[in-house]
Amino acid sequence: MRILVTGGAGYIGSHTVRQLLAAGHEVTVYDNLEAGHRAAVPAGSLVVGDLRDVDHLDQLLLVNRIEAVVHFAALAYVGESVTNPAKYYTTNLIYALHLLDRCRRNGVQKFVFSSTCATYGVPQTVPIAEDEPQAPVNPYGNTKLAFERALADYAGAYPFGYCALRYFNASGAAEDGSLGEHHDPETHLIPIVIQAATGKRPHVEVFGTDYPTPDGTCVRDYIHVDDLARAHVLALGALTPGAKLAYNVGTGRGYSVLEVIRTVEEVTGLKVPVKHGPRRAGDPPALVAKADKIRAELGWAPKFDSLRAIVETAWRWHKAHPNGYGE
């Protein structure tokens, strides 16, 4: 297929682009490089552009005869979404709707959306299944859920099928160490812990030690970025006009903050300085996926099924690229 990947120079996007190319697809990456990295994607695949430029999108979809879109381009800092919701609704919803309408006008019939477990808010049941009520507790989650609903309405009215992939905690790096995680600022726990272990930050702050979990710290489901990327490739193959698909993408196993810190120490052989702090507002005690549906319907299963295996790939990336992509 001829595929447009928005935000394809970012962390999850770049790993997905690599797998799409390996599967024989023709890929165009569309990224404004505000958070993405030019070095993360093949130069011949990259078009630098912004979602607000609808004429540019129109031209790309038409000239490149795009058949499918994988949409990663979005803002994803929960705290920032609370203090600046206008920025999030504009980028994650309004600009995304512009993209969706251009897809409709240009006959694009397949759309895979980078959604999130944040659409569930504080879940009633853990592990979380796809039929869990979606009740976000922050503007970031609200914008992702709003776009999921727009996709469902489009699929009901037009010759259009979509798949929303609700990520849990994306983590790790490519096995060969050539692609990895480089955010500014960094908010993901595993790279933060590695940075503390290597002296790039003074400590890891543990937000809350009194949660109703085995060791009192928050529990999360860490999914390797390549396993997540593979879910996008499979989702594209499953789409047909009118399809309305939604899948959780996680391992089904949760690890606490303290378990992540101990695992990083074991893998690196380094001590991680820790500072204990109060809970953060809106942090659920546990977010763990029930991923039976994607396993049964798409034949997906995680290759990296332990936290240690994930951390080992992240450590390999950080050792080879201490300054990330160095841009």
Protein backbone atom coordinates (compact mmCIF):
# COMPACT_ATOMS: atom_id res chain seq x y z
CA MET A 1 0.00 0.00 0.00
CA ARG A 2 0.91 3.65 -0.39
CA ILE A 3 0.81 4.96 3.17
CA LEU A 4 1.08 8.43 4.71
CA VAL A 5 2.46 8.40 8.26
CA THR A 6 1.87 11.65 10.13
CA GLY A 7 4.31 12.20 12.97
CA GLY A 8 6.40 9.41 11.51
CA ALA A 9 9.72 10.90 12.68
CA GLY A 10 8.67 10.56 16.32
CA TYR A 11 9.36 7.74 18.75
CA ILE A 12 6.58 5.26 17.92
CA GLY A 13 6.16 6.61 14.40
CA SER A 14 9.76 5.98 13.34
CA HIS A 15 9.68 2.38 14.57
CA THR A 16 6.41 1.84 12.71
CA VAL A 17 7.79 3.39 9.52
CA ARG A 18 10.70 0.94 9.61
CA GLN A 19 8.32 -2.02 9.92
CA LEU A 20 6.01 -0.73 7.19
CA LEU A 21 8.95 -0.40 4.82
CA ALA A 22 10.18 -3.87 5.74
CA ALA A 23 6.71 -5.22 4.92
CA GLY A 24 7.00 -3.79 1.40
CA HIS A 25 4.77 -0.74 1.72
CA GLU A 26 5.50 2.60 0.08
CA VAL A 27 5.74 5.13 2.91
CA THR A 28 5.60 8.92 3.00
CA VAL A 29 6.45 10.46 6.38
CA TYR A 30 4.82 13.82 7.17
CA ASP A 31 6.33 15.52 10.22
CA ASN A 32 6.99 19.10 11.33
CA LEU A 33 10.06 17.92 13.33
CA GLU A 34 9.01 19.83 16.45
CA ALA A 35 9.19 16.58 18.41
CA GLY A 36 10.38 14.19 15.70
CA HIS A 37 13.90 13.64 14.43
CA ARG A 38 15.11 13.79 10.86
CA ALA A 39 17.69 11.08 11.59
CA ALA A 40 14.98 8.63 12.70
CA VAL A 41 13.54 8.06 9.20
CA PRO A 42 14.97 7.46 5.72
CA ALA A 43 15.68 10.81 4.07
CA GLY A 44 13.79 9.89 0.92
CA SER A 45 10.62 9.19 2.89
CA LEU A 46 10.41 12.46 4.82
CA VAL A 47 8.26 15.45 3.89
CA VAL A 48 8.54 18.29 6.40
CA GLY A 49 5.11 19.80 6.95
CA ASP A 50 2.42 20.65 9.46
CA LEU A 51 -1.13 19.36 9.87
CA ARG A 52 -2.46 22.92 9.75
CA ASP A 53 -1.30 23.17 6.12
CA VAL A 54 -4.33 21.52 4.54
CA ASP A 55 -3.31 22.44 1.00
CA HIS A 56 -0.01 20.62 1.49
CA LEU A 57 -1.89 17.58 2.81
CA ASP A 58 -4.23 17.67 -0.17
CA GLN A 59 -1.28 17.71 -2.55
CA LEU A 60 0.48 14.84 -0.79
CA LEU A 61 -2.60 12.64 -0.70
CA LEU A 62 -3.35 13.30 -4.35
CA VAL A 63 0.11 13.26 -5.93
CA ASN A 64 1.34 10.26 -3.91
CA ARG A 65 -1.96 8.43 -4.46
CA ILE A 66 -2.17 7.61 -0.76
CA GLU A 67 -4.33 4.61 0.10
CA ALA A 68 -3.98 4.58 3.88
CA VAL A 69 -3.01 6.93 6.70
CA VAL A 70 -1.34 6.08 10.02
CA HIS A 71 -1.85 9.09 12.27
CA PHE A 72 0.66 9.68 15.08
CA ALA A 73 1.04 13.48 14.94
CA ALA A 74 -0.29 14.82 18.24
CA LEU A 75 0.62 16.46 21.52
CA ALA A 76 0.95 14.02 24.42
CA TYR A 77 1.93 15.73 27.67
CA VAL A 78 -0.90 15.24 30.16
CA GLY A 79 0.16 18.03 32.49
CA GLU A 80 0.48 20.53 29.66
CA SER A 81 -2.97 19.56 28.40
CA VAL A 82 -4.42 20.61 31.77
CA THR A 83 -2.71 24.01 31.78
CA ASN A 84 -3.14 24.69 28.04
CA PRO A 85 -6.17 22.74 26.79
CA ALA A 86 -6.64 25.06 23.81
CA LYS A 87 -3.32 23.89 22.36
CA TYR A 88 -4.39 20.25 22.70
CA TYR A 89 -7.87 20.64 21.27
CA THR A 90 -6.44 22.60 18.34
CA THR A 91 -3.71 20.10 17.46
CA ASN A 92 -5.19 16.78 18.55
CA LEU A 93 -8.74 17.42 17.40
CA ILE A 94 -9.15 20.36 15.00
CA TYR A 95 -6.03 19.66 12.91
CA ALA A 96 -6.75 15.92 13.04
CA LEU A 97 -10.27 16.58 11.73
CA HIS A 98 -8.77 18.60 8.86
CA LEU A 99 -6.62 15.56 8.02
CA LEU A 100 -9.60 13.23 8.25
CA ASP A 101 -11.67 15.38 5.91
CA ARG A 102 -8.83 15.58 3.38
CA CYS A 103 -8.66 11.78 3.50
CA ARG A 104 -12.37 11.63 2.70
CA ARG A 105 -12.02 14.06 -0.20
CA ASN A 106 -9.10 12.14 -1.67
CA GLY A 107 -10.60 8.68 -1.37
CA VAL A 108 -8.39 7.35 1.44
CA GLN A 109 -10.33 4.43 2.88
CA LYS A 110 -8.00 3.12 5.61
CA PHE A 111 -6.98 5.01 8.74
CA VAL A 112 -5.03 3.76 11.78
CA PHE A 113 -5.14 6.10 14.77
CA SER A 114 -2.63 6.41 17.60
CA SER A 115 -5.00 6.48 20.58
CA THR A 116 -4.31 5.86 24.25
CA CYS A 117 -5.40 4.10 27.41
CA ALA A 118 -5.92 7.63 28.79
CA THR A 119 -9.35 7.50 27.13
CA TYR A 120 -10.41 5.14 29.95
CA GLY A 121 -9.52 7.58 32.74
CA VAL A 122 -9.54 5.83 36.11
CA PRO A 123 -10.74 2.33 35.17
CA GLN A 124 -13.43 0.48 37.06
CA THR A 125 -11.81 -2.87 36.30
CA VAL A 126 -8.15 -3.89 35.89
CA PRO A 127 -6.97 -5.37 33.56
CA ILE A 128 -8.80 -3.03 31.19
CA ALA A 129 -10.83 -4.46 28.30
CA GLU A 130 -12.01 -2.50 25.27
CA ASP A 131 -15.57 -2.34 26.62
CA GLU A 132 -14.41 -0.48 29.74
CA PRO A 133 -16.27 2.88 29.94
CA GLN A 134 -14.21 5.64 28.36
CA ALA A 135 -14.15 8.53 30.82
CA PRO A 136 -10.93 10.54 30.46
CA VAL A 137 -9.74 12.64 33.40
CA ASN A 138 -7.65 15.17 31.46
CA PRO A 139 -7.85 17.19 28.23
CA TYR A 140 -5.30 14.95 26.50
CA GLY A 141 -7.53 11.91 26.96
CA ASN A 142 -10.59 13.94 26.01
CA THR A 143 -9.08 14.97 22.67
CA LYS A 144 -8.11 11.40 21.82
CA LEU A 145 -11.58 10.10 22.66
CA ALA A 146 -13.26 12.88 20.69
CA PHE A 147 -11.28 11.91 17.59
CA GLU A 148 -12.10 8.22 18.09
CA ARG A 149 -15.77 9.22 18.00
CA ALA A 150 -15.26 11.25 14.84
CA LEU A 151 -13.64 8.24 13.19
CA ALA A 152 -16.64 6.07 14.11
CA ASP A 153 -19.03 8.62 12.61
CA TYR A 154 -17.00 8.85 9.39
CA ALA A 155 -16.87 5.06 9.09
CA GLY A 156 -20.66 4.97 9.48
CA ALA A 157 -21.27 7.53 6.75
CA TYR A 158 -18.50 7.13 4.16
CA PRO A 159 -16.57 4.28 2.47
CA PHE A 160 -13.98 4.41 5.19
CA GLY A 161 -12.58 2.02 7.82
CA TYR A 162 -10.47 2.77 10.85
CA CYS A 163 -8.61 1.16 13.70
CA ALA A 164 -7.91 2.97 16.99
CA LEU A 165 -4.98 1.46 18.87
CA ARG A 166 -5.14 2.32 22.57
CA TYR A 167 -1.56 2.25 23.75
CA PHE A 168 -0.41 1.50 27.21
CA ASN A 169 3.17 2.55 28.14
CA ALA A 170 5.33 2.51 25.01
CA SER A 171 8.92 1.72 25.93
CA GLY A 172 12.22 0.27 24.77
CA ALA A 173 14.15 0.73 21.52
CA ALA A 174 15.00 -1.12 18.33
CA GLU A 175 16.96 -4.30 19.05
CA ASP A 176 19.95 -3.15 16.99
CA GLY A 177 20.14 0.13 18.93
CA SER A 178 19.65 2.28 15.85
CA LEU A 179 16.26 3.76 16.82
CA GLY A 180 15.18 4.81 20.26
CA GLU A 181 13.50 7.27 22.56
CA HIS A 182 14.50 10.94 22.51
CA HIS A 183 11.99 13.38 23.99
CA ASP A 184 12.54 16.92 25.22
CA PRO A 185 11.42 17.07 27.94
CA GLU A 186 11.52 13.36 28.74
CA THR A 187 8.44 12.16 30.61
CA HIS A 188 8.58 8.37 30.17
CA LEU A 189 9.70 6.46 33.22
CA ILE A 190 12.28 4.03 31.80
CA PRO A 191 14.47 6.67 30.08
CA ILE A 192 14.12 8.94 33.13
CA VAL A 193 15.39 6.15 35.37
CA ILE A 194 18.27 5.44 32.97
CA GLN A 195 19.15 9.14 32.93
CA ALA A 196 19.24 9.14 36.73
CA ALA A 197 21.41 6.01 36.73
CA THR A 198 23.92 7.61 34.34
CA GLY A 199 24.01 10.99 36.12
CA LYS A 200 22.11 12.93 33.48
CA ARG A 201 19.56 13.91 36.11
CA PRO A 202 20.00 14.07 39.91
CA HIS A 203 17.35 11.51 40.83
CA VAL A 204 14.07 9.85 39.96
CA GLU A 205 11.08 11.27 41.76
CA VAL A 206 8.56 8.61 42.77
CA PHE A 207 5.15 10.25 42.86
CA GLY A 208 3.26 8.50 45.64
CA THR A 209 4.14 5.46 47.72
CA ASP A 210 0.73 4.84 49.30
CA TYR A 211 -1.29 3.50 46.37
CA PRO A 212 -3.32 0.30 46.83
CA THR A 213 -0.68 -1.72 44.94
CA PRO A 214 1.77 -4.39 46.18
CA ASP A 215 4.57 -1.90 46.95
CA GLY A 216 2.53 1.32 47.13
CA THR A 217 3.71 2.78 43.81
CA CYS A 218 1.78 3.07 40.55
CA VAL A 219 1.58 0.02 38.31
CA ARG A 220 1.72 0.30 34.53
CA ASP A 221 1.75 -2.02 31.51
CA TYR A 222 4.98 -1.47 29.53
CA ILE A 223 4.74 -2.43 25.85
CA HIS A 224 7.82 -2.56 23.65
CA VAL A 225 7.77 0.01 20.86
CA ASP A 226 8.47 -2.60 18.16
CA ASP A 227 5.57 -4.73 19.38
CA LEU A 228 3.42 -1.63 19.24
CA ALA A 229 4.67 -0.84 15.72
CA ARG A 230 3.78 -4.35 14.58
CA ALA A 231 0.21 -3.81 15.76
CA HIS A 232 -0.11 -0.93 13.27
CA VAL A 233 1.07 -3.09 10.39
CA LEU A 234 -1.44 -5.80 11.30
CA ALA A 235 -4.24 -3.27 11.74
CA LEU A 236 -3.69 -1.89 8.24
CA GLY A 237 -4.01 -5.37 6.80
CA ALA A 238 -7.31 -5.94 8.60
CA LEU A 239 -9.07 -2.74 7.50
CA THR A 240 -11.98 -2.67 5.08
CA PRO A 241 -14.44 0.14 4.29
CA GLY A 242 -16.88 0.50 7.16
CA ALA A 243 -14.64 -1.26 9.68
CA LYS A 244 -14.74 0.20 13.18
CA LEU A 245 -11.91 -1.44 15.10
CA ALA A 246 -10.43 -0.58 18.49
CA TYR A 247 -7.78 -2.55 20.34
CA ASN A 248 -5.81 -2.24 23.53
CA VAL A 249 -2.10 -2.78 22.92
CA GLY A 250 -0.31 -3.96 26.03
CA THR A 251 1.28 -7.06 27.48
CA GLY A 252 -1.38 -7.72 30.12
CA ARG A 253 1.23 -7.55 32.88
CA GLY A 254 1.86 -4.58 35.13
CA TYR A 255 5.06 -3.40 36.82
CA SER A 256 5.36 -0.85 39.60
CA VAL A 257 7.58 2.22 39.58
CA LEU A 258 9.87 0.57 42.11
CA GLU A 259 10.08 -2.57 39.96
CA VAL A 260 11.15 -0.45 36.99
CA ILE A 261 13.86 1.19 39.09
CA ARG A 262 15.15 -2.18 40.33
CA THR A 263 15.15 -3.61 36.81
CA VAL A 264 17.17 -0.67 35.45
CA GLU A 265 19.66 -1.14 38.28
CA GLU A 266 19.97 -4.85 37.47
CA VAL A 267 20.42 -4.28 33.72
CA THR A 268 22.84 -1.35 33.96
CA GLY A 269 24.72 -2.34 37.10
CA LEU A 270 24.28 1.26 38.26
CA LYS A 271 22.59 2.71 41.35
CA VAL A 272 19.51 4.87 40.75
CA PRO A 273 19.08 7.80 43.17
CA VAL A 274 15.43 8.08 44.24
CA LYS A 275 13.40 10.86 45.83
CA HIS A 276 9.92 10.16 47.16
CA GLY A 277 7.22 12.74 46.50
CA PRO A 278 3.46 13.14 46.85
CA ARG A 279 0.95 11.63 44.44
CA ARG A 280 0.26 13.44 41.18
CA ALA A 281 -3.35 14.40 40.58
CA GLY A 282 -5.09 12.09 38.12
CA ASP A 283 -2.61 9.18 38.35
CA PRO A 284 -4.64 5.94 38.54
CA PRO A 285 -3.11 3.29 40.84
CA ALA A 286 -2.91 0.70 38.04
CA LEU A 287 -3.29 0.67 34.25
CA VAL A 288 -2.90 -2.78 32.74
CA ALA A 289 -4.27 -3.94 29.40
CA LYS A 290 -6.53 -6.85 28.71
CA ALA A 291 -5.25 -7.50 25.19
CA ASP A 292 -7.14 -10.70 24.36
CA LYS A 293 -9.05 -9.03 21.51
CA ILE A 294 -6.06 -7.99 19.40
CA ARG A 295 -4.45 -11.39 19.98
CA ALA A 296 -7.57 -13.22 18.79
CA GLU A 297 -8.56 -10.96 15.89
CA LEU A 298 -5.19 -9.83 14.48
CA GLY A 299 -2.93 -12.64 15.67
CA TRP A 300 -0.76 -10.14 17.51
CA ALA A 301 1.40 -11.13 20.47
CA PRO A 302 4.27 -9.26 22.13
CA LYS A 303 7.75 -10.48 21.34
CA PHE A 304 9.18 -8.61 24.34
CA ASP A 305 7.15 -10.11 27.15
CA SER A 306 9.20 -9.07 30.18
CA LEU A 307 10.23 -5.75 31.64
CA ARG A 308 13.88 -6.82 31.68
CA ALA A 309 13.86 -7.53 27.92
CA ILE A 310 12.38 -4.08 27.27
CA VAL A 311 14.87 -2.30 29.54
CA GLU A 312 17.79 -4.10 27.91
CA THR A 313 16.87 -2.59 24.52
CA ALA A 314 16.45 0.87 26.06
CA TRP A 315 19.86 0.58 27.74
CA ARG A 316 21.47 -0.50 24.47
CA TRP A 317 20.08 2.64 22.78
CA HIS A 318 21.18 4.98 25.59
CA LYS A 319 24.70 3.56 25.62
CA ALA A 320 25.05 3.97 21.85
CA HIS A 321 23.32 7.36 21.76
CA PRO A 322 23.94 9.19 25.06
CA ASN A 323 22.66 12.40 23.48
CA GLY A 324 19.78 10.80 21.60
CA TYR A 325 19.79 11.70 17.93
CA GLY A 326 22.25 14.50 18.68
CA GLU A 327 20.34 17.18 16.81
